């Protein structure tokens, strides 16, 4: 986890780590998602699911979480949440 004030290079550092050959080889799945300041957990979860090649069966958060868990089961994965403006 890397957190800091906007503009000090967190995205650049995260991008370097994300693209590092050792990281690429270590993880089965790597996902990069830009959160921005209008945080919407349902939208982000649906987008992650699509990035994994799956499509939300409905707009129910519980169902989407179960689909994400299933898609990531037994995999080493790395998810970068970029441009997060609120730690909550």
C-alpha atoms as a PDB file:
ATOM      1  CA  UNK A   1       0.000   0.000   0.000  1.00  0.00           C
ATOM      2  CA  UNK A   2       1.334   3.420  -0.980  1.00  0.00           C
ATOM      3  CA  UNK A   3      -0.498   6.571   0.066  1.00  0.00           C
ATOM      4  CA  UNK A   4       0.539  10.220  -0.131  1.00  0.00           C
ATOM      5  CA  UNK A   5      -0.471  13.730  -1.043  1.00  0.00           C
ATOM      6  CA  UNK A   6      -1.546  14.255  -4.640  1.00  0.00           C
ATOM      7  CA  UNK A   7       1.247  15.062  -7.058  1.00  0.00           C
ATOM      8  CA  UNK A   8       4.213  13.494  -5.241  1.00  0.00           C
ATOM      9  CA  UNK A   9       4.629  10.533  -7.589  1.00  0.00           C
ATOM     10  CA  UNK A  10       2.567   7.669  -6.171  1.00  0.00           C
ATOM     11  CA  UNK A  11       1.132   6.794  -9.590  1.00  0.00           C
ATOM     12  CA  UNK A  12       4.580   6.825 -11.197  1.00  0.00           C
ATOM     13  CA  UNK A  13       5.965   4.547  -8.486  1.00  0.00           C
ATOM     14  CA  UNK A  14       2.952   2.222  -8.664  1.00  0.00           C
ATOM     15  CA  UNK A  15       3.253   2.050 -12.470  1.00  0.00           C
ATOM     16  CA  UNK A  16       6.951   1.094 -12.198  1.00  0.00           C
ATOM     17  CA  UNK A  17       6.146  -1.685  -9.724  1.00  0.00           C
ATOM     18  CA  UNK A  18       3.086  -2.835 -11.698  1.00  0.00           C
ATOM     19  CA  UNK A  19       5.112  -3.181 -14.910  1.00  0.00           C
ATOM     20  CA  UNK A  20       8.224  -4.674 -13.310  1.00  0.00           C
ATOM     21  CA  UNK A  21       9.030  -8.054 -14.870  1.00  0.00           C
ATOM     22  CA  UNK A  22       9.270  -9.759 -11.457  1.00  0.00           C
ATOM     23  CA  UNK A  23       5.798  -8.513 -10.522  1.00  0.00           C
ATOM     24  CA  UNK A  24       4.381  -9.563 -13.897  1.00  0.00           C
ATOM     25  CA  UNK A  25       5.816 -13.065 -13.392  1.00  0.00           C
ATOM     26  CA  UNK A  26       4.702 -13.309  -9.746  1.00  0.00           C
ATOM     27  CA  UNK A  27       0.999 -12.490 -10.170  1.00  0.00           C
ATOM     28  CA  UNK A  28      -1.535 -14.421 -12.235  1.00  0.00           C
ATOM     29  CA  UNK A  29      -3.678 -11.325 -12.575  1.00  0.00           C
ATOM     30  CA  UNK A  30      -2.856  -7.636 -12.329  1.00  0.00           C
ATOM     31  CA  UNK A  31      -5.562  -4.987 -12.481  1.00  0.00           C
ATOM     32  CA  UNK A  32      -5.223  -1.207 -12.563  1.00  0.00           C
ATOM     33  CA  UNK A  33      -8.279   0.885 -11.829  1.00  0.00           C
ATOM     34  CA  UNK A  34      -8.614   4.646 -11.579  1.00  0.00           C
ATOM     35  CA  UNK A  35     -10.966   5.516  -8.741  1.00  0.00           C
ATOM     36  CA  UNK A  36     -11.029   9.358  -8.862  1.00  0.00           C
ATOM     37  CA  UNK A  37     -12.912  11.545  -6.442  1.00  0.00           C
ATOM     38  CA  UNK A  38     -16.449  10.340  -7.208  1.00  0.00           C
ATOM     39  CA  UNK A  39     -15.958   6.970  -5.524  1.00  0.00           C
ATOM     40  CA  UNK A  40     -18.663   4.433  -6.321  1.00  0.00           C
ATOM     41  CA  UNK A  41     -17.979   0.934  -4.996  1.00  0.00           C
ATOM     42  CA  UNK A  42     -20.591  -0.691  -7.242  1.00  0.00           C
ATOM     43  CA  UNK A  43     -19.120   0.905 -10.393  1.00  0.00           C
ATOM     44  CA  UNK A  44     -15.573  -0.037  -9.375  1.00  0.00           C
ATOM     45  CA  UNK A  45     -16.577  -3.635  -8.589  1.00  0.00           C
ATOM     46  CA  UNK A  46     -18.390  -3.984 -11.910  1.00  0.00           C
ATOM     47  CA  UNK A  47     -15.382  -2.572 -13.758  1.00  0.00           C
ATOM     48  CA  UNK A  48     -12.998  -4.987 -12.002  1.00  0.00           C
ATOM     49  CA  UNK A  49     -15.262  -7.874 -12.954  1.00  0.00           C
ATOM     50  CA  UNK A  50     -15.275  -6.762 -16.602  1.00  0.00           C
ATOM     51  CA  UNK A  51     -11.475  -6.465 -16.563  1.00  0.00           C
ATOM     52  CA  UNK A  52     -11.401 -10.112 -15.520  1.00  0.00           C
ATOM     53  CA  UNK A  53     -13.501 -11.037 -18.565  1.00  0.00           C
ATOM     54  CA  UNK A  54     -16.743 -11.530 -16.649  1.00  0.00           C
ATOM     55  CA  UNK A  55     -19.924  -9.517 -16.745  1.00  0.00           C
ATOM     56  CA  UNK A  56     -22.099  -8.599 -13.776  1.00  0.00           C
ATOM     57  CA  UNK A  57     -25.240 -10.710 -13.788  1.00  0.00           C
ATOM     58  CA  UNK A  58     -27.130  -7.868 -12.088  1.00  0.00           C
ATOM     59  CA  UNK A  59     -26.550  -4.664 -10.094  1.00  0.00           C
ATOM     60  CA  UNK A  60     -26.664  -6.422  -6.735  1.00  0.00           C
ATOM     61  CA  UNK A  61     -23.478  -5.731  -4.756  1.00  0.00           C
ATOM     62  CA  UNK A  62     -23.522  -9.114  -2.996  1.00  0.00           C
ATOM     63  CA  UNK A  63     -23.768 -10.952  -6.309  1.00  0.00           C
ATOM     64  CA  UNK A  64     -20.949  -8.908  -7.835  1.00  0.00           C
ATOM     65  CA  UNK A  65     -18.707  -9.560  -4.815  1.00  0.00           C
ATOM     66  CA  UNK A  66     -19.376 -13.295  -5.138  1.00  0.00           C
ATOM     67  CA  UNK A  67     -18.538 -13.123  -8.858  1.00  0.00           C
ATOM     68  CA  UNK A  68     -15.280 -11.281  -8.062  1.00  0.00           C
ATOM     69  CA  UNK A  69     -14.362 -13.841  -5.403  1.00  0.00           C
ATOM     70  CA  UNK A  70     -15.004 -16.649  -7.856  1.00  0.00           C
ATOM     71  CA  UNK A  71     -13.007 -14.965 -10.652  1.00  0.00           C
ATOM     72  CA  UNK A  72     -10.010 -14.412  -8.351  1.00  0.00           C
ATOM     73  CA  UNK A  73     -10.151 -17.714  -6.465  1.00  0.00           C
ATOM     74  CA  UNK A  74      -6.864 -19.591  -6.292  1.00  0.00           C
ATOM     75  CA  UNK A  75      -5.009 -16.812  -8.130  1.00  0.00           C
ATOM     76  CA  UNK A  76      -2.273 -14.481  -7.035  1.00  0.00           C
ATOM     77  CA  UNK A  77      -3.559 -11.071  -7.898  1.00  0.00           C
ATOM     78  CA  UNK A  78      -2.511  -7.452  -7.595  1.00  0.00           C
ATOM     79  CA  UNK A  79      -5.011  -4.615  -7.792  1.00  0.00           C
ATOM     80  CA  UNK A  80      -3.879  -1.000  -7.991  1.00  0.00           C
ATOM     81  CA  UNK A  81      -6.496   1.555  -6.999  1.00  0.00           C
ATOM     82  CA  UNK A  82      -5.135   4.761  -8.523  1.00  0.00           C
ATOM     83  CA  UNK A  83      -6.222   8.345  -7.897  1.00  0.00           C
ATOM     84  CA  UNK A  84      -8.009   7.618  -4.600  1.00  0.00           C
ATOM     85  CA  UNK A  85      -8.781  10.880  -2.815  1.00  0.00           C
ATOM     86  CA  UNK A  86     -10.448   9.530   0.306  1.00  0.00           C
ATOM     87  CA  UNK A  87      -8.891   6.884   2.582  1.00  0.00           C
ATOM     88  CA  UNK A  88     -12.303   5.813   3.882  1.00  0.00           C
END
